[in-house]
Amino acid sequence: MNLDSPADETSPEEPAPTIDRQKKVSSEQIHHWLESRPDWRVEEGHHLVRSYRFADFVSALERIDRIGAVAEALGHHPDLELSWGRVGVKIYTHSVDGLTAIDFQLATRIDGLEQAD
């Protein structure tokens, strides 16, 4: 299973490709994905986490809105934390209580929002 599908190179708001959302990914797949994404980390072998910094509260709130649009398009929703100049993101698949391919696709698309700015 490739955690970076061609759909990840498209608009972040495009629908997700059909993938198995109930199959946990292997530790090798997780390690490979993280090698090219030093800003993300896996906590407790269970969820992806990352923080984004912004100049002010309004900019952080705008990013929350954009992450929400991406999440809706994928039908997969992260836990988000908003504070002044900071957005925290936590992603995992609740139904399997761990990480599946959709988690990595969501994280990749959220990162794509930075390049779109």
N, C-alpha and C. Protein backbone atom coordinates (compact mmCIF):
# COMPACT_ATOMS: atom_id res chain seq x y z
N MET A 1 0.84 -1.17 0.00
CA MET A 1 0.00 0.00 0.00
C MET A 1 0.88 1.24 0.00
N ASN A 2 0.62 2.15 -0.91
CA ASN A 2 1.35 3.41 -0.99
C ASN A 2 0.58 4.46 -0.22
N LEU A 3 1.22 5.09 0.76
CA LEU A 3 0.54 6.09 1.57
C LEU A 3 0.44 7.42 0.85
N ASP A 4 1.19 7.61 -0.22
CA ASP A 4 1.13 8.83 -1.02
C ASP A 4 0.55 8.48 -2.38
N SER A 5 -0.75 8.60 -2.52
CA SER A 5 -1.37 8.26 -3.79
C SER A 5 -1.33 9.45 -4.73
N PRO A 6 -1.50 9.23 -6.04
CA PRO A 6 -1.53 10.34 -6.98
C PRO A 6 -2.59 11.37 -6.63
N ALA A 7 -3.65 10.98 -5.96
CA ALA A 7 -4.70 11.93 -5.59
C ALA A 7 -4.17 12.97 -4.61
N ASP A 8 -3.09 12.68 -3.92
CA ASP A 8 -2.53 13.63 -2.97
C ASP A 8 -1.86 14.81 -3.68
N GLU A 9 -1.58 14.65 -4.96
CA GLU A 9 -0.95 15.72 -5.72
C GLU A 9 -1.98 16.68 -6.31
N THR A 10 -3.23 16.39 -6.13
CA THR A 10 -4.29 17.22 -6.67
C THR A 10 -4.76 18.21 -5.61
N SER A 11 -5.82 18.92 -5.93
CA SER A 11 -6.39 19.88 -5.00
C SER A 11 -6.72 19.20 -3.68
N PRO A 12 -6.40 19.84 -2.55
CA PRO A 12 -6.69 19.22 -1.26
C PRO A 12 -8.17 18.95 -1.04
N GLU A 13 -9.04 19.65 -1.77
CA GLU A 13 -10.47 19.48 -1.56
C GLU A 13 -11.10 18.37 -2.40
N GLU A 14 -10.31 17.71 -3.25
CA GLU A 14 -10.87 16.64 -4.08
C GLU A 14 -11.21 15.43 -3.22
N PRO A 15 -12.23 14.66 -3.64
CA PRO A 15 -12.61 13.48 -2.86
C PRO A 15 -11.46 12.48 -2.76
N ALA A 16 -11.52 11.68 -1.72
CA ALA A 16 -10.49 10.67 -1.50
C ALA A 16 -10.65 9.51 -2.47
N PRO A 17 -9.54 8.92 -2.89
CA PRO A 17 -9.64 7.70 -3.68
C PRO A 17 -10.18 6.58 -2.79
N THR A 18 -10.66 5.53 -3.41
CA THR A 18 -11.16 4.40 -2.64
C THR A 18 -9.98 3.65 -2.04
N ILE A 19 -9.94 3.59 -0.73
CA ILE A 19 -8.89 2.86 -0.02
C ILE A 19 -9.52 2.11 1.15
N ASP A 20 -8.78 1.15 1.66
CA ASP A 20 -9.25 0.39 2.82
C ASP A 20 -9.02 1.23 4.08
N ARG A 21 -10.10 1.72 4.65
CA ARG A 21 -10.02 2.57 5.84
C ARG A 21 -10.04 1.75 7.13
N GLN A 22 -10.07 0.44 7.01
CA GLN A 22 -10.13 -0.41 8.20
C GLN A 22 -8.86 -1.24 8.41
N LYS A 23 -7.88 -1.07 7.54
CA LYS A 23 -6.64 -1.84 7.66
C LYS A 23 -5.53 -0.94 8.20
N LYS A 24 -5.01 -1.29 9.36
CA LYS A 24 -3.92 -0.52 9.93
C LYS A 24 -2.68 -0.63 9.05
N VAL A 25 -1.91 0.45 9.00
CA VAL A 25 -0.67 0.43 8.23
C VAL A 25 0.45 -0.17 9.08
N SER A 26 1.48 -0.65 8.43
CA SER A 26 2.60 -1.28 9.13
C SER A 26 3.55 -0.22 9.68
N SER A 27 4.36 -0.61 10.62
CA SER A 27 5.36 0.31 11.17
C SER A 27 6.38 0.70 10.10
N GLU A 28 6.65 -0.19 9.15
CA GLU A 28 7.58 0.13 8.06
C GLU A 28 6.98 1.22 7.16
N GLN A 29 5.69 1.12 6.87
CA GLN A 29 5.03 2.14 6.06
C GLN A 29 5.03 3.49 6.77
N ILE A 30 4.78 3.46 8.06
CA ILE A 30 4.78 4.69 8.84
C ILE A 30 6.18 5.32 8.80
N HIS A 31 7.20 4.52 9.05
CA HIS A 31 8.58 5.02 9.05
C HIS A 31 8.92 5.64 7.70
N HIS A 32 8.58 4.97 6.61
CA HIS A 32 8.87 5.47 5.27
C HIS A 32 8.20 6.82 5.04
N TRP A 33 6.94 6.95 5.42
CA TRP A 33 6.19 8.20 5.23
C TRP A 33 6.82 9.33 6.05
N LEU A 34 7.19 9.04 7.28
CA LEU A 34 7.76 10.06 8.16
C LEU A 34 9.14 10.54 7.71
N GLU A 35 9.88 9.71 6.98
CA GLU A 35 11.21 10.10 6.52
C GLU A 35 11.18 11.39 5.72
N SER A 36 10.15 11.61 4.96
CA SER A 36 10.07 12.82 4.13
C SER A 36 9.22 13.92 4.76
N ARG A 37 8.78 13.71 5.98
CA ARG A 37 7.93 14.68 6.67
C ARG A 37 8.38 14.87 8.12
N PRO A 38 9.49 15.60 8.30
CA PRO A 38 10.05 15.73 9.65
C PRO A 38 9.17 16.53 10.62
N ASP A 39 8.20 17.27 10.12
CA ASP A 39 7.35 18.06 11.00
C ASP A 39 6.24 17.23 11.65
N TRP A 40 5.99 16.05 11.13
CA TRP A 40 4.98 15.15 11.71
C TRP A 40 5.68 14.15 12.61
N ARG A 41 4.94 13.66 13.58
CA ARG A 41 5.46 12.57 14.41
C ARG A 41 4.30 11.64 14.77
N VAL A 42 4.65 10.44 15.13
CA VAL A 42 3.65 9.47 15.59
C VAL A 42 3.79 9.35 17.09
N GLU A 43 2.70 9.53 17.79
CA GLU A 43 2.71 9.40 19.24
C GLU A 43 2.06 8.08 19.64
N GLU A 44 2.75 7.38 20.53
CA GLU A 44 2.26 6.12 21.10
C GLU A 44 1.92 5.08 20.03
N GLY A 45 2.55 5.20 18.84
CA GLY A 45 2.25 4.27 17.76
C GLY A 45 0.80 4.32 17.33
N HIS A 46 0.12 5.39 17.65
CA HIS A 46 -1.33 5.45 17.54
C HIS A 46 -1.86 6.58 16.66
N HIS A 47 -1.25 7.76 16.72
CA HIS A 47 -1.79 8.89 15.97
C HIS A 47 -0.68 9.81 15.47
N LEU A 48 -1.00 10.50 14.37
CA LEU A 48 -0.11 11.50 13.79
C LEU A 48 -0.38 12.84 14.46
N VAL A 49 0.68 13.59 14.75
CA VAL A 49 0.53 14.92 15.32
C VAL A 49 1.48 15.91 14.66
N ARG A 50 1.00 17.14 14.57
CA ARG A 50 1.82 18.23 14.05
C ARG A 50 1.26 19.55 14.55
N SER A 51 2.14 20.53 14.73
CA SER A 51 1.73 21.89 15.06
C SER A 51 2.15 22.81 13.92
N TYR A 52 1.31 23.78 13.66
CA TYR A 52 1.59 24.83 12.67
C TYR A 52 1.60 26.16 13.40
N ARG A 53 2.53 27.04 13.04
CA ARG A 53 2.64 28.36 13.64
C ARG A 53 2.17 29.43 12.65
N PHE A 54 1.54 30.46 13.20
CA PHE A 54 1.01 31.56 12.40
C PHE A 54 1.32 32.88 13.10
N ALA A 55 1.21 33.96 12.34
CA ALA A 55 1.54 35.29 12.86
C ALA A 55 0.52 35.80 13.87
N ASP A 56 -0.70 35.27 13.81
CA ASP A 56 -1.74 35.78 14.70
C ASP A 56 -2.89 34.79 14.80
N PHE A 57 -3.87 35.14 15.61
CA PHE A 57 -5.02 34.28 15.85
C PHE A 57 -5.85 34.10 14.58
N VAL A 58 -6.10 35.19 13.86
CA VAL A 58 -6.95 35.13 12.66
C VAL A 58 -6.35 34.19 11.61
N SER A 59 -5.05 34.25 11.42
CA SER A 59 -4.40 33.37 10.44
C SER A 59 -4.54 31.91 10.85
N ALA A 60 -4.40 31.63 12.13
CA ALA A 60 -4.56 30.26 12.61
C ALA A 60 -6.00 29.79 12.42
N LEU A 61 -6.96 30.67 12.71
CA LEU A 61 -8.37 30.33 12.53
C LEU A 61 -8.70 30.07 11.06
N GLU A 62 -8.13 30.85 10.17
CA GLU A 62 -8.33 30.62 8.73
C GLU A 62 -7.80 29.25 8.31
N ARG A 63 -6.67 28.84 8.88
CA ARG A 63 -6.13 27.52 8.54
C ARG A 63 -7.05 26.42 9.06
N ILE A 64 -7.63 26.60 10.23
CA ILE A 64 -8.60 25.63 10.76
C ILE A 64 -9.74 25.45 9.76
N ASP A 65 -10.24 26.56 9.22
CA ASP A 65 -11.33 26.49 8.24
C ASP A 65 -10.90 25.71 7.00
N ARG A 66 -9.69 25.94 6.53
CA ARG A 66 -9.20 25.24 5.34
C ARG A 66 -8.97 23.76 5.61
N ILE A 67 -8.47 23.44 6.80
CA ILE A 67 -8.31 22.03 7.18
C ILE A 67 -9.68 21.36 7.23
N GLY A 68 -10.68 22.08 7.72
CA GLY A 68 -12.04 21.55 7.76
C GLY A 68 -12.56 21.19 6.39
N ALA A 69 -12.27 22.04 5.39
CA ALA A 69 -12.71 21.76 4.02
C ALA A 69 -12.04 20.50 3.47
N VAL A 70 -10.76 20.35 3.75
CA VAL A 70 -10.03 19.15 3.32
C VAL A 70 -10.61 17.91 4.00
N ALA A 71 -10.85 18.01 5.29
CA ALA A 71 -11.39 16.88 6.05
C ALA A 71 -12.77 16.47 5.52
N GLU A 72 -13.60 17.43 5.21
CA GLU A 72 -14.93 17.13 4.67
C GLU A 72 -14.82 16.43 3.32
N ALA A 73 -13.90 16.91 2.46
CA ALA A 73 -13.73 16.29 1.14
C ALA A 73 -13.29 14.84 1.26
N LEU A 74 -12.46 14.54 2.25
CA LEU A 74 -11.99 13.17 2.44
C LEU A 74 -12.95 12.33 3.26
N GLY A 75 -13.87 12.99 3.96
CA GLY A 75 -14.76 12.25 4.85
C GLY A 75 -14.00 11.67 6.03
N HIS A 76 -12.97 12.39 6.47
CA HIS A 76 -12.11 11.94 7.57
C HIS A 76 -11.71 13.17 8.37
N HIS A 77 -11.94 13.15 9.66
CA HIS A 77 -11.85 14.38 10.44
C HIS A 77 -10.82 14.29 11.57
N PRO A 78 -9.87 15.23 11.58
CA PRO A 78 -8.84 15.25 12.62
C PRO A 78 -9.34 15.93 13.89
N ASP A 79 -8.61 15.73 14.96
CA ASP A 79 -8.80 16.52 16.17
C ASP A 79 -7.95 17.77 15.99
N LEU A 80 -8.53 18.94 16.19
CA LEU A 80 -7.83 20.19 15.99
C LEU A 80 -7.80 20.99 17.28
N GLU A 81 -6.70 21.71 17.48
CA GLU A 81 -6.54 22.59 18.64
C GLU A 81 -6.13 23.96 18.14
N LEU A 82 -6.86 24.98 18.54
CA LEU A 82 -6.60 26.35 18.11
C LEU A 82 -6.18 27.19 19.31
N SER A 83 -5.09 27.92 19.14
CA SER A 83 -4.69 28.91 20.13
C SER A 83 -4.07 30.08 19.37
N TRP A 84 -3.70 31.12 20.06
CA TRP A 84 -3.16 32.29 19.38
C TRP A 84 -1.91 31.90 18.59
N GLY A 85 -1.99 32.03 17.27
CA GLY A 85 -0.84 31.77 16.41
C GLY A 85 -0.45 30.31 16.26
N ARG A 86 -1.31 29.40 16.66
CA ARG A 86 -0.95 27.98 16.60
C ARG A 86 -2.16 27.11 16.31
N VAL A 87 -1.94 26.10 15.46
CA VAL A 87 -2.94 25.06 15.21
C VAL A 87 -2.27 23.72 15.45
N GLY A 88 -2.88 22.92 16.30
CA GLY A 88 -2.41 21.57 16.55
C GLY A 88 -3.33 20.58 15.84
N VAL A 89 -2.73 19.58 15.20
CA VAL A 89 -3.49 18.58 14.45
C VAL A 89 -3.15 17.19 14.99
N LYS A 90 -4.17 16.40 15.23
CA LYS A 90 -4.01 15.01 15.67
C LYS A 90 -4.91 14.16 14.77
N ILE A 91 -4.33 13.15 14.14
CA ILE A 91 -5.07 12.34 13.17
C ILE A 91 -4.91 10.87 13.50
N TYR A 92 -6.04 10.17 13.51
CA TYR A 92 -6.04 8.70 13.56
C TYR A 92 -7.42 8.22 13.16
N THR A 93 -7.54 6.94 12.89
CA THR A 93 -8.81 6.36 12.50
C THR A 93 -9.47 5.78 13.74
N HIS A 94 -10.53 6.41 14.18
CA HIS A 94 -11.20 6.02 15.42
C HIS A 94 -11.71 4.58 15.36
N SER A 95 -12.23 4.18 14.20
CA SER A 95 -12.85 2.84 14.11
C SER A 95 -11.86 1.70 14.29
N VAL A 96 -10.58 1.92 14.01
CA VAL A 96 -9.57 0.88 14.23
C VAL A 96 -8.64 1.24 15.38
N ASP A 97 -8.87 2.40 15.97
CA ASP A 97 -8.06 2.89 17.09
C ASP A 97 -6.57 2.86 16.73
N GLY A 98 -6.26 3.43 15.56
CA GLY A 98 -4.88 3.47 15.09
C GLY A 98 -4.79 4.16 13.75
N LEU A 99 -3.72 3.88 13.03
CA LEU A 99 -3.43 4.56 11.77
C LEU A 99 -3.73 3.70 10.55
N THR A 100 -4.44 4.30 9.59
CA THR A 100 -4.72 3.68 8.30
C THR A 100 -4.25 4.64 7.21
N ALA A 101 -4.32 4.21 5.97
CA ALA A 101 -3.85 5.02 4.85
C ALA A 101 -4.54 6.37 4.77
N ILE A 102 -5.82 6.44 5.13
CA ILE A 102 -6.54 7.71 5.04
C ILE A 102 -5.95 8.76 5.97
N ASP A 103 -5.37 8.35 7.07
CA ASP A 103 -4.74 9.29 7.99
C ASP A 103 -3.56 9.99 7.32
N PHE A 104 -2.77 9.23 6.59
CA PHE A 104 -1.60 9.79 5.92
C PHE A 104 -2.01 10.64 4.73
N GLN A 105 -3.08 10.25 4.06
CA GLN A 105 -3.57 11.08 2.96
C GLN A 105 -4.08 12.42 3.49
N LEU A 106 -4.79 12.39 4.60
CA LEU A 106 -5.26 13.64 5.19
C LEU A 106 -4.08 14.52 5.60
N ALA A 107 -3.09 13.95 6.26
CA ALA A 107 -1.92 14.73 6.68
C ALA A 107 -1.20 15.33 5.48
N THR A 108 -1.05 14.56 4.42
CA THR A 108 -0.39 15.05 3.21
C THR A 108 -1.17 16.22 2.60
N ARG A 109 -2.48 16.10 2.57
CA ARG A 109 -3.31 17.17 2.02
C ARG A 109 -3.27 18.42 2.92
N ILE A 110 -3.24 18.23 4.21
CA ILE A 110 -3.13 19.38 5.11
C ILE A 110 -1.80 20.09 4.87
N ASP A 111 -0.72 19.34 4.71
CA ASP A 111 0.57 19.95 4.38
C ASP A 111 0.49 20.71 3.06
N GLY A 112 -0.30 20.19 2.11
CA GLY A 112 -0.46 20.84 0.82
C GLY A 112 -1.06 22.22 0.93
N LEU A 113 -1.76 22.50 1.99
CA LEU A 113 -2.33 23.84 2.18
C LEU A 113 -1.24 24.88 2.33
N GLU A 114 -0.11 24.50 2.91
CA GLU A 114 1.01 25.43 3.04
C GLU A 114 1.55 25.84 1.68
N GLN A 115 1.65 24.88 0.78
CA GLN A 115 2.17 25.19 -0.55
C GLN A 115 1.18 26.01 -1.36
N ALA A 116 -0.10 25.91 -1.03
CA ALA A 116 -1.12 26.66 -1.75
C ALA A 116 -1.16 28.13 -1.32
N ASP A 117 -0.55 28.43 -0.17
CA ASP A 117 -0.56 29.82 0.34
C ASP A 117 0.33 30.73 -0.48
